[in-house]
Amino acid sequence: MKSMDKFAEILKNIVKEQYEKSQNESSKMNRLISVIAFVGIIFFTAFALMIVRSIKRPIKTIVDAAEHVAGGDFTQSININSEDEKGKGNPDREQGINFYYGKGFNAG
């Protein structure tokens, strides 16, 4: 019987060691996943803030100019810095804006 008890004790120790190894690996994986998730959240937040700022700046510029015009200051102008089809090379739109703000048409 003693040999069976020894064998059971050896198996018990092997199982205990394997259990502890698996717990350590699981803990490492949980930490790794947490770090990756945290870094992902940081990058996503930074990207979202960049997008919000890129949308907010032009709107603020237009609102400020509109407030000045509403107050009677028709000397306000809005610089359009865009490389897309709406902002690049559209003199008709610029002349319309200048005429609307009381600057007349540009002849040039």
Protein backbone atom coordinates (compact mmCIF):
# COMPACT_ATOMS: atom_id res chain seq x y z
CA MET A 1 0.00 0.00 0.00
CA LYS A 2 2.84 2.35 0.67
CA SER A 3 3.87 2.25 -2.97
CA MET A 4 0.32 3.29 -3.96
CA ASP A 5 0.43 6.17 -1.47
CA LYS A 6 3.78 7.29 -2.87
CA PHE A 7 2.44 7.07 -6.41
CA ALA A 8 -0.65 9.09 -5.43
CA GLU A 9 1.55 11.68 -3.74
CA ILE A 10 3.77 11.98 -6.83
CA LEU A 11 0.70 12.39 -9.08
CA LYS A 12 -0.74 14.94 -6.67
CA ASN A 13 2.49 16.98 -6.81
CA ILE A 14 2.63 16.80 -10.61
CA VAL A 15 -0.97 17.98 -10.90
CA LYS A 16 -0.31 20.78 -8.39
CA GLU A 17 2.73 21.97 -10.35
CA GLN A 18 0.82 21.92 -13.63
CA TYR A 19 -2.06 23.83 -12.02
CA GLU A 20 0.30 26.51 -10.70
CA LYS A 21 1.99 26.83 -14.10
CA SER A 22 -1.36 27.24 -15.83
CA GLN A 23 -2.42 29.86 -13.26
CA ASN A 24 0.81 31.82 -13.89
CA GLU A 25 0.33 31.67 -17.66
CA SER A 26 -3.27 32.74 -17.29
CA SER A 27 -2.24 35.66 -15.11
CA LYS A 28 0.39 36.74 -17.65
CA MET A 29 -2.13 36.58 -20.49
CA ASN A 30 -4.64 38.63 -18.49
CA ARG A 31 -2.01 41.31 -17.87
CA LEU A 32 -1.02 41.34 -21.54
CA ILE A 33 -4.63 41.68 -22.67
CA SER A 34 -5.19 44.47 -20.16
CA VAL A 35 -2.13 46.39 -21.38
CA ILE A 36 -3.13 45.96 -25.03
CA ALA A 37 -6.68 47.13 -24.26
CA PHE A 38 -5.39 50.16 -22.33
CA VAL A 39 -3.02 51.17 -25.14
CA GLY A 40 -5.83 50.71 -27.66
CA ILE A 41 -8.12 52.94 -25.64
CA ILE A 42 -5.42 55.62 -25.42
CA PHE A 43 -4.83 55.55 -29.20
CA PHE A 44 -8.56 55.56 -29.96
CA THR A 45 -9.11 58.51 -27.62
CA ALA A 46 -6.25 60.48 -29.19
CA PHE A 47 -7.57 59.76 -32.68
CA ALA A 48 -11.10 60.76 -31.69
CA LEU A 49 -9.83 64.03 -30.20
CA MET A 50 -7.96 64.82 -33.42
CA ILE A 51 -11.12 64.22 -35.46
CA VAL A 52 -13.23 66.35 -33.12
CA ARG A 53 -10.74 69.22 -33.27
CA SER A 54 -10.53 69.08 -37.06
CA ILE A 55 -14.31 69.43 -37.22
CA LYS A 56 -14.63 71.97 -34.42
CA ARG A 57 -12.09 74.57 -35.66
CA PRO A 58 -13.77 75.46 -38.97
CA ILE A 59 -17.18 75.57 -37.32
CA LYS A 60 -15.88 77.93 -34.64
CA THR A 61 -14.35 80.16 -37.35
CA ILE A 62 -17.66 80.36 -39.20
CA VAL A 63 -19.64 80.99 -36.00
CA ASP A 64 -17.26 83.78 -34.95
CA ALA A 65 -17.50 85.42 -38.38
CA ALA A 66 -21.30 85.09 -38.36
CA GLU A 67 -21.48 86.75 -34.94
CA HIS A 68 -19.40 89.67 -36.22
CA VAL A 69 -21.62 90.00 -39.29
CA ALA A 70 -24.73 89.82 -37.10
CA GLY A 71 -23.25 92.67 -35.07
CA GLY A 72 -22.88 94.78 -38.20
CA ASP A 73 -19.20 94.18 -38.92
CA PHE A 74 -19.18 93.29 -42.63
CA THR A 75 -15.38 93.34 -42.90
CA GLN A 76 -15.03 89.74 -41.72
CA SER A 77 -13.59 87.19 -44.08
CA ILE A 78 -13.21 83.45 -43.85
CA ASN A 79 -10.06 81.79 -45.16
CA ILE A 80 -10.80 78.44 -46.71
CA ASN A 81 -7.82 76.11 -46.57
CA SER A 82 -9.00 72.95 -48.23
CA GLU A 83 -7.55 70.72 -50.90
CA ASP A 84 -10.77 68.93 -51.82
CA GLU A 85 -13.22 69.84 -54.59
CA LYS A 86 -15.12 72.21 -52.31
CA GLY A 87 -12.16 74.29 -51.24
CA LYS A 88 -9.73 74.24 -54.12
CA GLY A 89 -10.04 76.56 -57.08
CA ASN A 90 -13.63 77.68 -56.76
CA PRO A 91 -13.52 81.43 -57.46
CA ASP A 92 -17.30 81.68 -57.95
CA ARG A 93 -17.89 80.67 -54.36
CA GLU A 94 -15.28 83.09 -53.07
CA GLN A 95 -16.75 85.97 -55.08
CA GLY A 96 -20.20 85.12 -53.77
CA ILE A 97 -18.96 85.17 -50.19
CA ASN A 98 -17.13 88.46 -50.70
CA PHE A 99 -20.20 90.03 -52.31
CA TYR A 100 -22.38 88.75 -49.46
CA TYR A 101 -20.09 90.31 -46.90
CA GLY A 102 -20.18 93.64 -48.73
CA LYS A 103 -16.71 93.49 -50.24
CA GLY A 104 -17.89 93.43 -53.85
CA PHE A 105 -16.49 91.09 -56.47
CA ASN A 106 -12.78 90.53 -56.92
CA ALA A 107 -11.71 91.38 -60.43
CA GLY A 108 -8.66 89.39 -60.25
